[in-house]
């Protein structure tokens, strides 16, 4: 089966079934481990959040 055939099938799925389809497709996607810099960035963001060093969307974008 081609990628185009799968896309065509997905295009015909009822939107009410998208969550189920998403979960099924995820079962076949290989998980990629995070890079060390990504892990460090997440840890830094968590620390900043806990220290109150974050800004709301409105504070940043008005």
C-alpha atoms as a PDB file:
ATOM      1  CA  UNK A   1       0.000   0.000   0.000  1.00  0.00           C
ATOM      2  CA  UNK A   2       1.305   3.450  -0.866  1.00  0.00           C
ATOM      3  CA  UNK A   3       1.435   6.537   1.310  1.00  0.00           C
ATOM      4  CA  UNK A   4      -1.086   8.166  -1.023  1.00  0.00           C
ATOM      5  CA  UNK A   5      -3.506   5.284  -0.504  1.00  0.00           C
ATOM      6  CA  UNK A   6      -3.243   5.651   3.275  1.00  0.00           C
ATOM      7  CA  UNK A   7      -3.810   9.390   3.036  1.00  0.00           C
ATOM      8  CA  UNK A   8      -6.870   8.762   0.895  1.00  0.00           C
ATOM      9  CA  UNK A   9      -8.239   6.359   3.507  1.00  0.00           C
ATOM     10  CA  UNK A  10      -7.617   8.842   6.300  1.00  0.00           C
ATOM     11  CA  UNK A  11      -9.352  11.571   4.317  1.00  0.00           C
ATOM     12  CA  UNK A  12     -12.483   9.418   4.374  1.00  0.00           C
ATOM     13  CA  UNK A  13     -12.512   8.739   8.132  1.00  0.00           C
ATOM     14  CA  UNK A  14     -15.289  10.421  10.111  1.00  0.00           C
ATOM     15  CA  UNK A  15     -13.846  13.207  12.272  1.00  0.00           C
ATOM     16  CA  UNK A  16     -15.449  11.619  15.337  1.00  0.00           C
ATOM     17  CA  UNK A  17     -12.991   8.733  14.922  1.00  0.00           C
ATOM     18  CA  UNK A  18      -9.824  10.877  14.659  1.00  0.00           C
ATOM     19  CA  UNK A  19      -8.752  10.309  18.267  1.00  0.00           C
ATOM     20  CA  UNK A  20      -8.970   6.543  17.868  1.00  0.00           C
ATOM     21  CA  UNK A  21      -7.163   6.638  14.529  1.00  0.00           C
ATOM     22  CA  UNK A  22      -4.449   8.835  16.022  1.00  0.00           C
ATOM     23  CA  UNK A  23      -3.886   6.339  18.854  1.00  0.00           C
ATOM     24  CA  UNK A  24      -3.677   3.431  16.406  1.00  0.00           C
ATOM     25  CA  UNK A  25      -1.201   5.206  14.130  1.00  0.00           C
ATOM     26  CA  UNK A  26       0.979   6.128  17.117  1.00  0.00           C
ATOM     27  CA  UNK A  27       1.434   2.416  17.830  1.00  0.00           C
ATOM     28  CA  UNK A  28       3.403   2.141  14.579  1.00  0.00           C
ATOM     29  CA  UNK A  29       5.561   5.256  14.923  1.00  0.00           C
ATOM     30  CA  UNK A  30       9.042   4.631  16.263  1.00  0.00           C
ATOM     31  CA  UNK A  31       9.797   6.780  19.276  1.00  0.00           C
ATOM     32  CA  UNK A  32      12.888   8.922  18.956  1.00  0.00           C
ATOM     33  CA  UNK A  33      14.790   9.624  22.155  1.00  0.00           C
ATOM     34  CA  UNK A  34      15.262  13.268  23.100  1.00  0.00           C
ATOM     35  CA  UNK A  35      18.645  14.917  22.568  1.00  0.00           C
ATOM     36  CA  UNK A  36      20.598  15.987  25.637  1.00  0.00           C
ATOM     37  CA  UNK A  37      20.109  19.687  24.853  1.00  0.00           C
ATOM     38  CA  UNK A  38      16.337  19.124  24.625  1.00  0.00           C
ATOM     39  CA  UNK A  39      16.330  17.440  28.038  1.00  0.00           C
ATOM     40  CA  UNK A  40      18.344  20.329  29.484  1.00  0.00           C
ATOM     41  CA  UNK A  41      15.981  22.905  27.945  1.00  0.00           C
ATOM     42  CA  UNK A  42      12.959  21.162  29.473  1.00  0.00           C
ATOM     43  CA  UNK A  43      14.643  21.025  32.885  1.00  0.00           C
ATOM     44  CA  UNK A  44      15.520  24.730  32.643  1.00  0.00           C
ATOM     45  CA  UNK A  45      11.946  25.614  31.658  1.00  0.00           C
ATOM     46  CA  UNK A  46      10.544  23.609  34.573  1.00  0.00           C
ATOM     47  CA  UNK A  47      12.901  25.379  36.991  1.00  0.00           C
ATOM     48  CA  UNK A  48      11.972  28.797  35.615  1.00  0.00           C
ATOM     49  CA  UNK A  49       8.290  27.928  35.886  1.00  0.00           C
ATOM     50  CA  UNK A  50       8.632  26.815  39.509  1.00  0.00           C
ATOM     51  CA  UNK A  51      10.541  30.028  40.310  1.00  0.00           C
ATOM     52  CA  UNK A  52       7.844  32.172  38.702  1.00  0.00           C
ATOM     53  CA  UNK A  53      10.198  33.295  35.945  1.00  0.00           C
ATOM     54  CA  UNK A  54       7.603  32.991  33.195  1.00  0.00           C
ATOM     55  CA  UNK A  55       5.343  35.403  31.358  1.00  0.00           C
ATOM     56  CA  UNK A  56       1.778  34.933  30.205  1.00  0.00           C
ATOM     57  CA  UNK A  57       0.847  35.060  26.537  1.00  0.00           C
ATOM     58  CA  UNK A  58      -0.797  38.442  27.072  1.00  0.00           C
ATOM     59  CA  UNK A  59       2.300  39.850  28.813  1.00  0.00           C
ATOM     60  CA  UNK A  60       4.460  38.876  25.852  1.00  0.00           C
ATOM     61  CA  UNK A  61       2.123  39.521  22.912  1.00  0.00           C
ATOM     62  CA  UNK A  62      -0.103  42.209  24.388  1.00  0.00           C
END
